[in-house]
Structures are given as C-alpha cells and as structure tokens.
C-alpha cells in the first residue's frame, strides 16, 4: 500500500510539474518601459530675415489742418535674436515701401529692439526704436516707433507673425513748427531663421 501511495504521489507530481513549467513564474511580469516623449526644445536665438505686408492709416496735423490717409505697406526685415531662457532680446532693421492714398510712395526705415517672452512655439513681444521717413522733395524725417506683436513657429526655420506698430514724427524731431504726423499699422510678417 505504501508503494501505491508513493507511486500515486509521484504520478501527481509528474502531471502537475509540466503545467507549472509551461505557466511560467508566479511573479508578475516586469514592466516594459515605454519610450519617453521629449518636449521640443524651443530656441529663438539666431539670425533671421523676412517679408512684411500691412495696412494702416496716418494722421498729419499742420498749422491747424488735419489730414487722415490710409496706407499699404510692403517690405523686408532682418535681425538677430538672443534667447536667454524665458526672455528673448532682438535687434532688427527694416525697409518698407509705404503706398499712401493720392500721394507718391514713401520709403521708411526702422531700427528697433525687441523684448519677447519665450512660450515655446509662440513669442509675444514689444518693440521700441527709431524710424526714418523719406518724403518726396523734402529731407528725411526722423521719428520714433513702438510696437506689440507675436511670432509663431510654423517649423524650426519658419515663423509667421502679426504686429501693431505706432509711429510718430513731429516738430520736436523735425524742427518745424506746428507739424506732426502719427501712423498706426497692422503688419503680417513671415521670416526664415538661419
């Protein structure tokens, strides 16, 4: 009888052992690490150049007379940005051809500094600078320019932006009495970053 109990126990172990070997370990399987998704690194540093297209209006006051005219703008710009983490500082120069209703086209040059905030793909900014307006048959007129805008990275090399710019030219800068001109412009900008 001892032999039959012992033989039965061995037979039971022989039947259960292959099933346990096929089932594997009783421990939970090791987790498979999923690949980490890296956040895109945003860096606005470097040189850039692009084109401007815009519209706006200007108001000229001269000796009690006021004239308001619409204008269209097209031109080009180039600059350099330095990304310092959250803050982006830029210096930029631009040339624009200004088409004013019923007048000859004017040439305008701006030299501005910009301070922006790095939000990754978007950079809102403010700008401050000097402007030079070349009127027909008169010396070039100096002025000041301030702006607010934002650029959007379409890719690492291309940005699209929008800016509102206010400019003022007056007798304080020109030495002319009772003359001033102000202009507000809405600009669309496209740039290539080198």
Protein backbone atom coordinates (compact mmCIF):
# COMPACT_ATOMS: atom_id res chain seq x y z
CA UNK A 1 0.00 0.00 0.00
CA UNK A 2 2.91 2.27 0.73
CA UNK A 3 4.10 1.65 -2.77
CA UNK A 4 0.78 2.61 -4.33
CA UNK A 5 0.50 5.87 -2.28
CA UNK A 6 4.10 6.71 -3.15
CA UNK A 7 3.51 5.87 -6.82
CA UNK A 8 0.34 7.99 -6.85
CA UNK A 9 2.22 10.96 -5.35
CA UNK A 10 4.98 10.66 -7.97
CA UNK A 11 2.38 10.41 -10.74
CA UNK A 12 0.60 13.54 -9.43
CA UNK A 13 3.88 15.50 -9.30
CA UNK A 14 4.72 14.29 -12.82
CA UNK A 15 1.37 15.58 -14.11
CA UNK A 16 1.49 18.98 -12.33
CA UNK A 17 5.19 19.81 -12.94
CA UNK A 18 4.93 20.25 -16.75
CA UNK A 19 1.88 22.50 -16.35
CA UNK A 20 3.78 24.73 -13.89
CA UNK A 21 6.76 24.87 -16.24
CA UNK A 22 4.53 25.92 -19.13
CA UNK A 23 2.72 28.52 -17.00
CA UNK A 24 5.97 30.20 -16.08
CA UNK A 25 6.80 32.03 -12.91
CA UNK A 26 4.18 33.14 -10.46
CA UNK A 27 5.83 36.59 -10.27
CA UNK A 28 4.24 39.49 -12.16
CA UNK A 29 5.93 40.21 -15.48
CA UNK A 30 8.47 43.03 -15.48
CA UNK A 31 7.00 46.25 -16.91
CA UNK A 32 8.16 47.20 -20.38
CA UNK A 33 9.35 50.80 -20.36
CA UNK A 34 7.63 52.98 -22.93
CA UNK A 35 9.81 55.42 -24.86
CA UNK A 36 9.89 58.89 -23.34
CA UNK A 37 8.38 61.62 -25.49
CA UNK A 38 10.75 64.56 -25.40
CA UNK A 39 9.33 68.06 -25.33
CA UNK A 40 10.54 70.07 -28.32
CA UNK A 41 13.29 72.43 -27.31
CA UNK A 42 12.45 75.98 -28.27
CA UNK A 43 15.35 78.25 -29.11
CA UNK A 44 14.72 81.61 -30.74
CA UNK A 45 18.45 82.51 -30.96
CA UNK A 46 20.00 83.33 -34.31
CA UNK A 47 19.75 85.47 -37.40
CA UNK A 48 16.52 85.81 -39.37
CA UNK A 49 15.15 87.67 -42.40
CA UNK A 50 11.70 88.02 -43.88
CA UNK A 51 8.96 89.97 -45.60
CA UNK A 52 6.32 92.41 -44.32
CA UNK A 53 2.85 93.12 -45.65
CA UNK A 54 0.47 95.51 -43.91
CA UNK A 55 -2.07 98.28 -43.82
CA UNK A 56 -2.90 101.24 -41.63
CA UNK A 57 -3.66 104.91 -41.50
CA UNK A 58 -1.79 108.11 -40.78
CA UNK A 59 -2.86 111.47 -39.47
CA UNK A 60 -0.95 114.64 -40.32
CA UNK A 61 -1.52 117.90 -38.45
CA UNK A 62 -0.09 121.09 -39.91
CA UNK A 63 -0.93 124.57 -38.67
CA UNK A 64 -4.46 123.61 -37.56
CA UNK A 65 -5.21 121.46 -40.61
CA UNK A 66 -5.69 117.68 -40.19
CA UNK A 67 -5.41 115.05 -42.92
CA UNK A 68 -6.04 111.32 -42.38
CA UNK A 69 -4.99 108.87 -45.08
CA UNK A 70 -4.95 105.09 -45.50
CA UNK A 71 -1.74 103.37 -46.46
CA UNK A 72 -0.47 99.98 -47.55
CA UNK A 73 2.96 98.61 -46.65
CA UNK A 74 5.29 96.03 -48.11
CA UNK A 75 8.93 95.49 -47.30
CA UNK A 76 11.67 93.36 -45.82
CA UNK A 77 13.42 92.99 -42.48
CA UNK A 78 16.43 91.27 -40.93
CA UNK A 79 17.54 90.80 -37.36
CA UNK A 80 19.22 88.74 -34.69
CA UNK A 81 17.66 87.24 -31.56
CA UNK A 82 19.27 86.02 -28.36
CA UNK A 83 17.18 83.55 -26.31
CA UNK A 84 18.08 83.80 -22.61
CA UNK A 85 15.60 81.21 -21.34
CA UNK A 86 12.28 82.94 -20.78
CA UNK A 87 13.32 86.30 -22.28
CA UNK A 88 14.27 86.83 -25.94
CA UNK A 89 16.09 90.04 -26.93
CA UNK A 90 16.31 91.04 -30.60
CA UNK A 91 17.68 93.83 -32.76
CA UNK A 92 16.03 94.37 -36.14
CA UNK A 93 16.28 96.65 -39.16
CA UNK A 94 13.56 97.02 -41.78
CA UNK A 95 12.85 98.74 -45.06
CA UNK A 96 9.26 99.40 -46.12
CA UNK A 97 7.61 100.95 -49.12
CA UNK A 98 4.53 102.87 -47.98
CA UNK A 99 1.74 103.47 -50.51
CA UNK A 100 -0.36 106.43 -49.36
CA UNK A 101 -3.70 107.36 -50.95
CA UNK A 102 -3.30 110.04 -53.64
CA UNK A 103 0.42 110.59 -52.93
CA UNK A 104 3.74 109.26 -54.12
CA UNK A 105 5.02 106.13 -52.39
CA UNK A 106 7.29 106.77 -49.41
CA UNK A 107 10.35 104.92 -48.17
CA UNK A 108 10.58 104.09 -44.48
CA UNK A 109 13.43 102.61 -42.43
CA UNK A 110 13.19 101.32 -38.86
CA UNK A 111 15.82 100.21 -36.37
CA UNK A 112 14.18 98.58 -33.33
CA UNK A 113 14.99 96.48 -30.29
CA UNK A 114 12.51 93.83 -29.22
CA UNK A 115 11.92 92.14 -25.87
CA UNK A 116 9.93 88.92 -26.12
CA UNK A 117 8.79 86.09 -23.87
CA UNK A 118 9.57 82.50 -24.91
CA UNK A 119 6.37 80.43 -24.68
CA UNK A 120 7.81 77.60 -26.76
CA UNK A 121 6.24 77.81 -30.21
CA UNK A 122 4.94 81.37 -29.62
CA UNK A 123 6.84 84.53 -28.73
CA UNK A 124 4.85 87.66 -27.78
CA UNK A 125 6.99 90.82 -27.80
CA UNK A 126 7.15 94.59 -27.53
CA UNK A 127 9.43 96.80 -29.62
CA UNK A 128 10.89 100.29 -29.42
CA UNK A 129 13.01 102.06 -31.99
CA UNK A 130 13.76 104.91 -34.32
CA UNK A 131 12.19 105.45 -37.72
CA UNK A 132 13.18 107.42 -40.79
CA UNK A 133 10.57 108.51 -43.33
CA UNK A 134 11.62 109.80 -46.74
CA UNK A 135 9.03 112.21 -48.10
CA UNK A 136 9.13 113.38 -51.74
CA UNK A 137 11.18 116.55 -52.30
CA UNK A 138 11.99 117.03 -48.58
CA UNK A 139 14.75 115.88 -46.26
CA UNK A 140 14.25 112.54 -44.49
CA UNK A 141 12.18 112.84 -41.33
CA UNK A 142 13.23 111.06 -38.11
CA UNK A 143 10.70 109.64 -35.66
CA UNK A 144 10.01 107.04 -33.00
CA UNK A 145 8.29 103.68 -33.28
CA UNK A 146 6.69 101.35 -30.70
CA UNK A 147 5.04 98.03 -31.35
CA UNK A 148 3.44 94.94 -29.89
CA UNK A 149 3.18 91.59 -31.61
CA UNK A 150 3.69 87.84 -31.58
CA UNK A 151 5.56 85.31 -33.70
CA UNK A 152 4.51 81.68 -34.18
CA UNK A 153 6.98 78.93 -35.13
CA UNK A 154 5.48 77.11 -38.09
CA UNK A 155 8.65 74.97 -38.14
CA UNK A 156 12.16 75.30 -36.74
CA UNK A 157 13.11 77.50 -39.72
CA UNK A 158 9.92 79.48 -40.46
CA UNK A 159 7.80 81.87 -38.38
CA UNK A 160 4.64 83.83 -39.06
CA UNK A 161 3.77 86.88 -37.02
CA UNK A 162 1.46 89.82 -36.54
CA UNK A 163 2.39 93.23 -35.13
CA UNK A 164 0.68 96.52 -34.40
CA UNK A 165 3.09 99.44 -34.73
CA UNK A 166 2.57 103.09 -33.80
CA UNK A 167 4.96 105.73 -35.15
CA UNK A 168 5.21 109.44 -34.52
CA UNK A 169 7.03 112.18 -36.41
CA UNK A 170 6.66 115.75 -35.12
CA UNK A 171 8.24 119.17 -34.85
CA UNK A 172 10.19 118.07 -31.79
CA UNK A 173 12.23 115.86 -34.11
CA UNK A 174 11.95 117.94 -37.28
CA UNK A 175 12.48 121.50 -36.11
CA UNK A 176 9.28 122.52 -37.92
CA UNK A 177 6.60 124.45 -36.10
CA UNK A 178 3.03 123.16 -35.90
CA UNK A 179 3.68 119.94 -37.82
CA UNK A 180 3.19 116.36 -36.64
CA UNK A 181 2.32 113.02 -38.13
CA UNK A 182 1.31 109.76 -36.47
CA UNK A 183 0.71 106.39 -38.09
CA UNK A 184 -0.74 103.11 -36.89
CA UNK A 185 -0.06 99.97 -38.89
CA UNK A 186 -1.08 96.33 -38.69
CA UNK A 187 1.66 94.13 -40.13
CA UNK A 188 1.83 90.47 -41.13
CA UNK A 189 5.37 89.06 -41.06
CA UNK A 190 6.96 85.90 -42.42
CA UNK A 191 10.56 85.03 -41.57
CA UNK A 192 13.21 82.43 -42.30
CA UNK A 193 15.57 81.62 -39.39
CA UNK A 194 19.15 80.73 -40.30
